[in-house]
Amino acid sequence: MDIQHIPNDLNIDTKSEVQIFDYQVYSSSVRNKVMLNKNTFSFLLEGIKEVFTQEKATTINNDAFLLIKSGNCLMTENLSETNSYRSILLFFDNNMLLNFLQKNNLLIADNSNFKSF
């Protein structure tokens, strides 16, 4: 099974601090191997997403979003009743996140208990 390197494999401009991608597919995928090269907000619009890491698994519908830190995971994408899967993806690195936290005077909790998503 191939590993998808996201966002690198999406053919988007990776020079800006934040990349946005409108991701849409018309066939389900089961436990795709994914290497997230950046942290990712996944705003689910249609379908169901399952994310599996070493720590745990979670499933979301189109009324939720995920914040996933960079690293390896498995992802399943199930189609909606209209036979599509769609999410808006925002990609950003740790430096951008730290700059955002500092700019907005947000405190960083002890990171020893941070989860993958």
N, C-alpha and C. Protein backbone atom coordinates (compact mmCIF):
# COMPACT_ATOMS: atom_id res chain seq x y z
N MET A 1 0.83 -1.17 0.00
CA MET A 1 0.00 0.00 0.00
C MET A 1 0.88 1.25 0.00
N ASP A 2 0.58 2.20 -0.86
CA ASP A 2 1.33 3.44 -0.94
C ASP A 2 1.01 4.35 0.23
N ILE A 3 1.97 5.20 0.56
CA ILE A 3 1.77 6.21 1.60
C ILE A 3 1.50 7.54 0.92
N GLN A 4 0.42 8.21 1.32
CA GLN A 4 0.12 9.54 0.81
C GLN A 4 0.84 10.55 1.69
N HIS A 5 1.59 11.46 1.07
CA HIS A 5 2.29 12.53 1.78
C HIS A 5 1.46 13.80 1.59
N ILE A 6 0.79 14.19 2.67
CA ILE A 6 -0.15 15.30 2.60
C ILE A 6 0.43 16.48 3.38
N PRO A 7 0.49 17.68 2.85
CA PRO A 7 -0.14 18.19 1.64
C PRO A 7 0.70 18.07 0.38
N ASN A 8 1.91 17.54 0.49
CA ASN A 8 2.83 17.51 -0.65
C ASN A 8 2.23 16.87 -1.89
N ASP A 9 1.47 15.80 -1.75
CA ASP A 9 0.91 15.09 -2.90
C ASP A 9 -0.33 15.77 -3.50
N LEU A 10 -0.77 16.87 -2.91
CA LEU A 10 -1.99 17.53 -3.38
C LEU A 10 -1.75 18.59 -4.45
N ASN A 11 -0.51 18.81 -4.82
CA ASN A 11 -0.18 19.77 -5.88
C ASN A 11 -0.72 21.16 -5.57
N ILE A 12 -0.42 21.64 -4.35
CA ILE A 12 -0.79 23.00 -3.96
C ILE A 12 0.46 23.77 -3.58
N ASP A 13 0.35 25.08 -3.57
CA ASP A 13 1.48 25.94 -3.21
C ASP A 13 1.79 25.78 -1.73
N THR A 14 2.97 25.29 -1.41
CA THR A 14 3.34 25.06 -0.02
C THR A 14 4.24 26.17 0.53
N LYS A 15 4.37 27.28 -0.21
CA LYS A 15 5.25 28.37 0.23
C LYS A 15 4.61 29.28 1.26
N SER A 16 3.28 29.39 1.27
CA SER A 16 2.63 30.26 2.24
C SER A 16 2.53 29.56 3.60
N GLU A 17 2.27 30.35 4.65
CA GLU A 17 2.20 29.78 6.00
C GLU A 17 1.05 28.80 6.17
N VAL A 18 -0.06 29.07 5.51
CA VAL A 18 -1.23 28.22 5.60
C VAL A 18 -1.67 27.85 4.19
N GLN A 19 -1.92 26.58 3.96
CA GLN A 19 -2.45 26.12 2.68
C GLN A 19 -3.89 25.66 2.89
N ILE A 20 -4.73 25.94 1.92
CA ILE A 20 -6.13 25.54 1.97
C ILE A 20 -6.42 24.67 0.76
N PHE A 21 -7.12 23.57 0.98
CA PHE A 21 -7.42 22.65 -0.11
C PHE A 21 -8.85 22.13 0.03
N ASP A 22 -9.61 22.23 -1.04
CA ASP A 22 -10.97 21.71 -1.10
C ASP A 22 -10.86 20.28 -1.63
N TYR A 23 -10.97 19.31 -0.72
CA TYR A 23 -10.74 17.90 -1.05
C TYR A 23 -12.08 17.22 -1.30
N GLN A 24 -12.23 16.63 -2.48
CA GLN A 24 -13.48 15.94 -2.81
C GLN A 24 -13.16 14.68 -3.60
N VAL A 25 -13.80 13.57 -3.19
CA VAL A 25 -13.66 12.29 -3.89
C VAL A 25 -15.02 11.64 -4.01
N TYR A 26 -15.11 10.69 -4.94
CA TYR A 26 -16.38 10.02 -5.21
C TYR A 26 -16.29 8.50 -5.03
N SER A 27 -15.24 8.07 -4.32
CA SER A 27 -15.13 6.65 -3.97
C SER A 27 -14.56 6.57 -2.55
N SER A 28 -15.06 5.62 -1.79
CA SER A 28 -14.61 5.44 -0.41
C SER A 28 -13.17 4.91 -0.40
N SER A 29 -12.50 5.15 0.71
CA SER A 29 -11.17 4.59 0.91
C SER A 29 -11.11 4.03 2.32
N VAL A 30 -10.37 2.95 2.49
CA VAL A 30 -10.31 2.28 3.78
C VAL A 30 -8.87 2.22 4.26
N ARG A 31 -8.64 2.81 5.42
CA ARG A 31 -7.34 2.79 6.10
C ARG A 31 -6.16 3.11 5.18
N ASN A 32 -6.27 4.23 4.49
CA ASN A 32 -5.14 4.72 3.69
C ASN A 32 -4.01 5.13 4.61
N LYS A 33 -2.80 4.77 4.25
CA LYS A 33 -1.63 5.21 5.00
C LYS A 33 -1.34 6.66 4.61
N VAL A 34 -1.28 7.53 5.63
CA VAL A 34 -1.08 8.96 5.39
C VAL A 34 0.07 9.46 6.25
N MET A 35 0.95 10.23 5.63
CA MET A 35 2.00 10.94 6.35
C MET A 35 1.66 12.42 6.23
N LEU A 36 1.18 13.01 7.32
CA LEU A 36 0.87 14.44 7.33
C LEU A 36 2.16 15.19 7.56
N ASN A 37 2.60 15.95 6.57
CA ASN A 37 3.83 16.73 6.69
C ASN A 37 3.61 18.02 7.46
N LYS A 38 2.34 18.38 7.68
CA LYS A 38 1.99 19.57 8.44
C LYS A 38 0.79 19.25 9.32
N ASN A 39 0.57 20.09 10.32
CA ASN A 39 -0.65 19.98 11.13
C ASN A 39 -1.83 20.29 10.22
N THR A 40 -2.99 19.71 10.52
CA THR A 40 -4.13 19.82 9.61
C THR A 40 -5.43 20.04 10.37
N PHE A 41 -6.19 21.06 9.92
CA PHE A 41 -7.60 21.19 10.29
C PHE A 41 -8.37 20.53 9.18
N SER A 42 -9.23 19.61 9.49
CA SER A 42 -10.09 18.96 8.50
C SER A 42 -11.54 19.29 8.85
N PHE A 43 -12.16 20.16 8.03
CA PHE A 43 -13.55 20.54 8.21
C PHE A 43 -14.39 19.68 7.28
N LEU A 44 -15.05 18.70 7.85
CA LEU A 44 -15.81 17.73 7.06
C LEU A 44 -17.14 18.33 6.61
N LEU A 45 -17.40 18.27 5.30
CA LEU A 45 -18.63 18.81 4.73
C LEU A 45 -19.60 17.71 4.31
N GLU A 46 -19.06 16.61 3.75
CA GLU A 46 -19.89 15.48 3.31
C GLU A 46 -19.17 14.18 3.61
N GLY A 47 -19.90 13.19 4.08
CA GLY A 47 -19.31 11.88 4.33
C GLY A 47 -18.94 11.67 5.78
N ILE A 48 -18.12 10.65 5.99
CA ILE A 48 -17.65 10.27 7.33
C ILE A 48 -16.14 10.03 7.25
N LYS A 49 -15.41 10.54 8.24
CA LYS A 49 -13.96 10.34 8.30
C LYS A 49 -13.62 9.56 9.55
N GLU A 50 -12.73 8.59 9.38
CA GLU A 50 -12.16 7.85 10.50
C GLU A 50 -10.65 8.06 10.47
N VAL A 51 -10.08 8.36 11.63
CA VAL A 51 -8.63 8.54 11.75
C VAL A 51 -8.12 7.59 12.82
N PHE A 52 -7.05 6.87 12.48
CA PHE A 52 -6.44 5.89 13.38
C PHE A 52 -4.99 6.27 13.60
N THR A 53 -4.60 6.42 14.88
CA THR A 53 -3.19 6.65 15.23
C THR A 53 -2.79 5.55 16.20
N GLN A 54 -1.55 5.59 16.65
CA GLN A 54 -1.09 4.61 17.63
C GLN A 54 -1.87 4.73 18.93
N GLU A 55 -2.33 5.95 19.24
CA GLU A 55 -2.99 6.20 20.51
C GLU A 55 -4.46 5.82 20.53
N LYS A 56 -5.18 6.15 19.43
CA LYS A 56 -6.62 5.88 19.43
C LYS A 56 -7.19 6.08 18.04
N ALA A 57 -8.49 5.82 17.94
CA ALA A 57 -9.21 6.03 16.68
C ALA A 57 -10.40 6.93 16.97
N THR A 58 -10.82 7.69 15.97
CA THR A 58 -12.01 8.51 16.11
C THR A 58 -12.75 8.58 14.79
N THR A 59 -14.05 8.81 14.88
CA THR A 59 -14.91 8.94 13.70
C THR A 59 -15.67 10.25 13.82
N ILE A 60 -15.73 11.02 12.72
CA ILE A 60 -16.53 12.24 12.73
C ILE A 60 -17.47 12.25 11.53
N ASN A 61 -18.60 12.92 11.72
CA ASN A 61 -19.56 13.18 10.64
C ASN A 61 -19.37 14.61 10.16
N ASN A 62 -20.25 15.05 9.26
CA ASN A 62 -20.09 16.38 8.68
C ASN A 62 -20.54 17.51 9.61
N ASP A 63 -20.76 17.22 10.88
CA ASP A 63 -21.07 18.28 11.83
C ASP A 63 -19.88 18.54 12.76
N ALA A 64 -18.70 18.06 12.38
CA ALA A 64 -17.52 18.19 13.23
C ALA A 64 -16.27 18.46 12.40
N PHE A 65 -15.20 18.76 13.10
CA PHE A 65 -13.91 18.92 12.44
C PHE A 65 -12.85 18.25 13.29
N LEU A 66 -11.68 18.04 12.69
CA LEU A 66 -10.54 17.47 13.39
C LEU A 66 -9.35 18.40 13.27
N LEU A 67 -8.60 18.50 14.33
CA LEU A 67 -7.29 19.13 14.31
C LEU A 67 -6.31 17.98 14.52
N ILE A 68 -5.48 17.72 13.52
CA ILE A 68 -4.58 16.56 13.55
C ILE A 68 -3.14 17.07 13.47
N LYS A 69 -2.30 16.64 14.40
CA LYS A 69 -0.90 17.06 14.34
C LYS A 69 -0.16 16.25 13.28
N SER A 70 0.92 16.80 12.80
CA SER A 70 1.68 16.13 11.75
C SER A 70 2.17 14.78 12.23
N GLY A 71 2.35 13.86 11.28
CA GLY A 71 2.81 12.51 11.61
C GLY A 71 2.07 11.46 10.81
N ASN A 72 2.27 10.21 11.17
CA ASN A 72 1.66 9.08 10.47
C ASN A 72 0.30 8.72 11.05
N CYS A 73 -0.60 8.32 10.17
CA CYS A 73 -1.90 7.83 10.62
C CYS A 73 -2.54 7.02 9.49
N LEU A 74 -3.64 6.40 9.80
CA LEU A 74 -4.48 5.73 8.80
C LEU A 74 -5.78 6.51 8.72
N MET A 75 -6.32 6.68 7.51
CA MET A 75 -7.58 7.40 7.34
C MET A 75 -8.53 6.62 6.46
N THR A 76 -9.79 6.60 6.89
CA THR A 76 -10.87 6.02 6.10
C THR A 76 -11.84 7.14 5.76
N GLU A 77 -12.27 7.18 4.50
CA GLU A 77 -13.23 8.18 4.06
C GLU A 77 -14.43 7.46 3.47
N ASN A 78 -15.59 7.62 4.12
CA ASN A 78 -16.82 7.00 3.64
C ASN A 78 -17.71 8.05 3.00
N LEU A 79 -18.36 7.67 1.92
CA LEU A 79 -19.19 8.60 1.15
C LEU A 79 -20.48 8.95 1.87
N SER A 80 -21.03 10.11 1.51
CA SER A 80 -22.32 10.55 2.03
C SER A 80 -23.43 9.88 1.23
N GLU A 81 -24.66 10.22 1.54
CA GLU A 81 -25.82 9.70 0.79
C GLU A 81 -25.81 10.17 -0.66
N THR A 82 -25.11 11.27 -0.95
CA THR A 82 -25.01 11.77 -2.32
C THR A 82 -23.79 11.21 -3.05
N ASN A 83 -23.18 10.16 -2.47
CA ASN A 83 -22.03 9.47 -3.07
C ASN A 83 -20.81 10.36 -3.27
N SER A 84 -20.54 11.20 -2.27
CA SER A 84 -19.32 12.00 -2.33
C SER A 84 -18.75 12.17 -0.92
N TYR A 85 -17.50 12.51 -0.88
CA TYR A 85 -16.81 12.84 0.36
C TYR A 85 -16.13 14.18 0.11
N ARG A 86 -16.34 15.13 1.03
CA ARG A 86 -15.74 16.46 0.81
C ARG A 86 -15.33 17.05 2.15
N SER A 87 -14.14 17.62 2.16
CA SER A 87 -13.68 18.34 3.34
C SER A 87 -12.80 19.51 2.89
N ILE A 88 -12.77 20.53 3.72
CA ILE A 88 -11.86 21.65 3.51
C ILE A 88 -10.69 21.41 4.45
N LEU A 89 -9.49 21.41 3.89
CA LEU A 89 -8.29 21.12 4.66
C LEU A 89 -7.43 22.37 4.78
N LEU A 90 -6.99 22.69 5.99
CA LEU A 90 -6.05 23.78 6.24
C LEU A 90 -4.79 23.17 6.81
N PHE A 91 -3.66 23.48 6.18
CA PHE A 91 -2.37 22.93 6.59
C PHE A 91 -1.49 24.04 7.14
N PHE A 92 -0.77 23.77 8.24
CA PHE A 92 0.11 24.76 8.85
C PHE A 92 1.18 24.04 9.66
N ASP A 93 2.33 24.70 9.82
CA ASP A 93 3.41 24.06 10.58
C ASP A 93 3.40 24.54 12.03
N ASN A 94 4.28 23.97 12.84
CA ASN A 94 4.34 24.31 14.27
C ASN A 94 4.70 25.77 14.49
N ASN A 95 5.60 26.33 13.66
CA ASN A 95 5.99 27.73 13.83
C ASN A 95 4.80 28.66 13.66
N MET A 96 3.96 28.40 12.68
CA MET A 96 2.78 29.22 12.47
C MET A 96 1.85 29.13 13.67
N LEU A 97 1.70 27.94 14.22
CA LEU A 97 0.85 27.75 15.38
C LEU A 97 1.41 28.49 16.59
N LEU A 98 2.70 28.39 16.83
CA LEU A 98 3.32 29.09 17.95
C LEU A 98 3.19 30.60 17.79
N ASN A 99 3.39 31.11 16.56
CA ASN A 99 3.24 32.55 16.31
C ASN A 99 1.80 33.00 16.61
N PHE A 100 0.83 32.20 16.21
CA PHE A 100 -0.57 32.51 16.47
C PHE A 100 -0.84 32.56 17.97
N LEU A 101 -0.33 31.58 18.71
CA LEU A 101 -0.53 31.54 20.16
C LEU A 101 0.11 32.75 20.84
N GLN A 102 1.32 33.11 20.43
CA GLN A 102 2.01 34.25 21.02
C GLN A 102 1.31 35.56 20.67
N LYS A 103 0.92 35.72 19.44
CA LYS A 103 0.27 36.95 18.98
C LYS A 103 -1.03 37.19 19.74
N ASN A 104 -1.74 36.12 20.07
CA ASN A 104 -3.03 36.22 20.75
C ASN A 104 -2.93 35.97 22.26
N ASN A 105 -1.71 35.96 22.78
CA ASN A 105 -1.48 35.78 24.22
C ASN A 105 -2.19 34.55 24.78
N LEU A 106 -2.13 33.46 24.05
CA LEU A 106 -2.73 32.21 24.50
C LEU A 106 -1.65 31.37 25.18
N LEU A 107 -2.00 30.79 26.30
CA LEU A 107 -1.05 29.99 27.05
C LEU A 107 -0.97 28.58 26.48
N ILE A 108 0.21 28.01 26.54
CA ILE A 108 0.41 26.63 26.10
C ILE A 108 0.46 25.76 27.34
N ALA A 109 -0.42 24.80 27.41
CA ALA A 109 -0.45 23.87 28.54
C ALA A 109 0.73 22.92 28.44
N ASP A 110 0.97 22.19 29.49
CA ASP A 110 1.99 21.15 29.49
C ASP A 110 1.72 20.21 28.31
N ASN A 111 2.66 20.13 27.38
CA ASN A 111 2.43 19.34 26.15
C ASN A 111 2.69 17.85 26.32
N SER A 112 2.94 17.38 27.52
CA SER A 112 3.19 15.96 27.70
C SER A 112 1.94 15.12 27.50
N ASN A 113 0.76 15.76 27.53
CA ASN A 113 -0.46 14.99 27.33
C ASN A 113 -1.19 15.35 26.04
N PHE A 114 -0.51 15.99 25.10
CA PHE A 114 -1.12 16.31 23.80
C PHE A 114 -1.33 15.03 23.01
N LYS A 115 -2.46 14.91 22.40
CA LYS A 115 -2.80 13.74 21.59
C LYS A 115 -2.59 14.05 20.11
N SER A 116 -2.71 13.03 19.28
CA SER A 116 -2.51 13.20 17.84
C SER A 116 -3.61 14.03 17.19
N PHE A 117 -4.82 14.00 17.77
CA PHE A 117 -5.93 14.80 17.24
C PHE A 117 -6.88 15.15 18.36
